[in-house]
C-alpha atoms as a PDB file:
ATOM      1  CA  MET A   1     -24.525  87.766 304.290  1.00  0.00           C
ATOM      2  CA  THR A   2     -24.511  83.969 304.248  1.00  0.00           C
ATOM      3  CA  ASN A   3     -27.622  82.225 303.020  1.00  0.00           C
ATOM      4  CA  PRO A   4     -29.216  80.695 306.147  1.00  0.00           C
ATOM      5  CA  GLU A   5     -30.244  77.614 304.156  1.00  0.00           C
ATOM      6  CA  ALA A   6     -26.606  76.964 303.178  1.00  0.00           C
ATOM      7  CA  MET A   7     -25.443  76.958 306.814  1.00  0.00           C
ATOM      8  CA  GLN A   8     -25.208  74.114 309.237  1.00  0.00           C
ATOM      9  CA  PRO A   9     -28.136  74.280 311.694  1.00  0.00           C
ATOM     10  CA  TYR A  10     -25.900  75.183 314.649  1.00  0.00           C
ATOM     11  CA  GLN A  11     -24.408  78.046 312.606  1.00  0.00           C
ATOM     12  CA  ARG A  12     -27.864  79.567 312.097  1.00  0.00           C
ATOM     13  CA  ILE A  13     -28.339  79.648 315.872  1.00  0.00           C
ATOM     14  CA  VAL A  14     -24.856  81.105 316.443  1.00  0.00           C
ATOM     15  CA  GLN A  15     -25.406  83.786 313.794  1.00  0.00           C
ATOM     16  CA  ASP A  16     -28.809  84.738 315.166  1.00  0.00           C
ATOM     17  CA  LEU A  17     -27.636  84.976 318.790  1.00  0.00           C
ATOM     18  CA  ARG A  18     -24.466  86.818 317.708  1.00  0.00           C
ATOM     19  CA  ARG A  19     -26.646  89.369 315.886  1.00  0.00           C
ATOM     20  CA  GLN A  20     -28.919  89.783 318.918  1.00  0.00           C
ATOM     21  CA  ILE A  21     -25.890  90.417 321.130  1.00  0.00           C
ATOM     22  CA  ALA A  22     -24.248  92.816 318.645  1.00  0.00           C
ATOM     23  CA  THR A  23     -27.427  94.867 318.222  1.00  0.00           C
ATOM     24  CA  GLY A  24     -28.099  95.032 321.952  1.00  0.00           C
ATOM     25  CA  GLN A  25     -31.259  92.968 321.742  1.00  0.00           C
ATOM     26  CA  LEU A  26     -29.528  90.675 324.244  1.00  0.00           C
ATOM     27  CA  GLN A  27     -27.751  92.820 326.835  1.00  0.00           C
ATOM     28  CA  PRO A  28     -24.757  91.766 328.979  1.00  0.00           C
ATOM     29  CA  GLY A  29     -26.046  89.576 331.792  1.00  0.00           C
ATOM     30  CA  SER A  30     -29.182  88.579 329.850  1.00  0.00           C
ATOM     31  CA  ARG A  31     -30.084  84.920 330.042  1.00  0.00           C
ATOM     32  CA  ILE A  32     -29.796  82.999 326.773  1.00  0.00           C
ATOM     33  CA  PRO A  33     -32.561  80.464 326.094  1.00  0.00           C
ATOM     34  CA  GLY A  34     -31.597  76.987 327.265  1.00  0.00           C
ATOM     35  CA  ILE A  35     -30.723  74.020 325.082  1.00  0.00           C
ATOM     36  CA  LYS A  36     -34.266  72.656 325.098  1.00  0.00           C
ATOM     37  CA  GLU A  37     -35.751  76.075 324.272  1.00  0.00           C
ATOM     38  CA  LEU A  38     -33.267  76.672 321.437  1.00  0.00           C
ATOM     39  CA  ALA A  39     -33.837  73.179 320.054  1.00  0.00           C
ATOM     40  CA  GLU A  40     -37.585  73.800 319.931  1.00  0.00           C
ATOM     41  CA  GLN A  41     -37.265  77.359 318.589  1.00  0.00           C
ATOM     42  CA  TYR A  42     -34.939  76.363 315.739  1.00  0.00           C
ATOM     43  CA  ALA A  43     -36.410  72.856 315.215  1.00  0.00           C
ATOM     44  CA  VAL A  44     -33.070  71.134 315.800  1.00  0.00           C
ATOM     45  CA  ALA A  45     -31.755  68.353 318.024  1.00  0.00           C
ATOM     46  CA  PRO A  46     -30.621  69.343 321.527  1.00  0.00           C
ATOM     47  CA  GLY A  47     -27.036  68.436 320.580  1.00  0.00           C
ATOM     48  CA  THR A  48     -27.165  71.006 317.783  1.00  0.00           C
ATOM     49  CA  ALA A  49     -28.311  73.720 320.194  1.00  0.00           C
ATOM     50  CA  GLN A  50     -25.603  72.665 322.638  1.00  0.00           C
ATOM     51  CA  ARG A  51     -22.961  72.962 319.898  1.00  0.00           C
ATOM     52  CA  ALA A  52     -24.162  76.494 319.100  1.00  0.00           C
ATOM     53  CA  LEU A  53     -23.851  77.543 322.740  1.00  0.00           C
ATOM     54  CA  GLY A  54     -20.386  75.982 322.845  1.00  0.00           C
ATOM     55  CA  GLU A  55     -19.308  78.094 319.862  1.00  0.00           C
ATOM     56  CA  LEU A  56     -20.573  81.253 321.549  1.00  0.00           C
ATOM     57  CA  ARG A  57     -18.726  80.321 324.767  1.00  0.00           C
ATOM     58  CA  ILE A  58     -15.484  79.812 322.825  1.00  0.00           C
ATOM     59  CA  GLU A  59     -15.951  83.252 321.238  1.00  0.00           C
ATOM     60  CA  GLY A  60     -16.419  84.752 324.706  1.00  0.00           C
ATOM     61  CA  LEU A  61     -19.880  86.064 323.899  1.00  0.00           C
ATOM     62  CA  ILE A  62     -21.598  84.000 326.588  1.00  0.00           C
ATOM     63  CA  TYR A  63     -20.759  82.148 329.771  1.00  0.00           C
ATOM     64  CA  SER A  64     -22.597  79.328 331.503  1.00  0.00           C
ATOM     65  CA  GLN A  65     -23.294  78.644 335.164  1.00  0.00           C
ATOM     66  CA  GLN A  66     -24.088  75.120 336.279  1.00  0.00           C
ATOM     67  CA  GLY A  67     -27.778  74.820 337.049  1.00  0.00           C
ATOM     68  CA  ARG A  68     -28.548  78.439 336.107  1.00  0.00           C
ATOM     69  CA  GLY A  69     -28.050  78.583 332.345  1.00  0.00           C
ATOM     70  CA  SER A  70     -26.107  80.668 329.867  1.00  0.00           C
ATOM     71  CA  PHE A  71     -25.766  84.441 329.920  1.00  0.00           C
ATOM     72  CA  VAL A  72     -24.384  87.194 327.692  1.00  0.00           C
ATOM     73  CA  SER A  73     -20.868  88.039 328.780  1.00  0.00           C
ATOM     74  CA  ASN A  74     -20.145  91.499 330.155  1.00  0.00           C
ATOM     75  CA  GLN A  75     -17.077  91.542 327.923  1.00  0.00           C
ATOM     76  CA  ALA A  76     -18.962  90.460 324.783  1.00  0.00           C
ATOM     77  CA  PRO A  77     -17.204  92.207 321.921  1.00  0.00           C
ATOM     78  CA  ILE A  78     -19.522  94.009 319.542  1.00  0.00           C
ATOM     79  CA  SER A  79     -17.166  93.520 316.600  1.00  0.00           C
ATOM     80  CA  THR A  80     -13.465  92.788 316.872  1.00  0.00           C
ATOM     81  CA  GLU A  81     -12.991  91.814 313.248  1.00  0.00           C
ATOM     82  CA  SER A  82     -11.688  94.437 310.842  1.00  0.00           C
ATOM     83  CA  THR A  83     -13.413  94.878 307.510  1.00  0.00           C
ATOM     84  CA  ALA A  84     -10.365  93.510 305.696  1.00  0.00           C
ATOM     85  CA  ASP A  85     -10.340  90.413 307.935  1.00  0.00           C
ATOM     86  CA  ALA A  86     -14.066  89.926 307.371  1.00  0.00           C
ATOM     87  CA  VAL A  87     -13.614  90.157 303.600  1.00  0.00           C
ATOM     88  CA  ARG A  88     -10.734  87.637 303.702  1.00  0.00           C
ATOM     89  CA  ARG A  89     -12.834  85.280 305.821  1.00  0.00           C
ATOM     90  CA  LEU A  90     -15.776  85.591 303.436  1.00  0.00           C
ATOM     91  CA  GLU A  91     -13.520  85.048 300.423  1.00  0.00           C
ATOM     92  CA  GLY A  92     -12.300  81.832 302.027  1.00  0.00           C
ATOM     93  CA  MET A  93     -15.860  80.693 302.644  1.00  0.00           C
ATOM     94  CA  VAL A  94     -16.807  81.430 299.020  1.00  0.00           C
ATOM     95  CA  SER A  95     -13.775  79.501 297.762  1.00  0.00           C
ATOM     96  CA  GLU A  96     -14.723  76.549 299.942  1.00  0.00           C
ATOM     97  CA  LEU A  97     -18.309  76.630 298.682  1.00  0.00           C
ATOM     98  CA  LEU A  98     -17.165  76.824 295.049  1.00  0.00           C
ATOM     99  CA  ALA A  99     -14.933  73.807 295.576  1.00  0.00           C
ATOM    100  CA  ARG A 100     -17.877  71.894 297.073  1.00  0.00           C
ATOM    101  CA  VAL A 101     -20.117  72.800 294.131  1.00  0.00           C
ATOM    102  CA  GLU A 102     -17.432  71.689 291.663  1.00  0.00           C
ATOM    103  CA  ARG A 103     -17.091  68.341 293.486  1.00  0.00           C
ATOM    104  CA  LEU A 104     -20.858  67.858 293.453  1.00  0.00           C
ATOM    105  CA  GLU A 105     -21.087  68.700 289.754  1.00  0.00           C
ATOM    106  CA  ARG A 106     -18.298  66.269 288.906  1.00  0.00           C
ATOM    107  CA  GLY A 107     -20.027  63.572 290.926  1.00  0.00           C
ATOM    108  CA  SER A 108     -23.335  63.999 289.069  1.00  0.00           C
ATOM    109  CA  ASP A 109     -21.812  63.750 285.558  1.00  0.00           C
END
């Protein structure tokens, strides 16, 4: 699992809401907290919370209705990613992080 402190703030929100949807804590049709509520809950700027909701909309996990808010989609996939795909994705993330660390270490020499 990714270290929450190493993630971008919007990614922490996405991961948390994704987990709540996958575990059934947030059921299809359930209202997702609004931008202001998420911003306060996660101590982030409203734009960060908005970006997180946008990511979840792109993934098809939630939908939004003007003036009503955002809701868990009835077609929210529990997990569409195979284990092999997940491992490949995680390997890519680790490679990217290693490259970042190497750049930072070279910069501090």
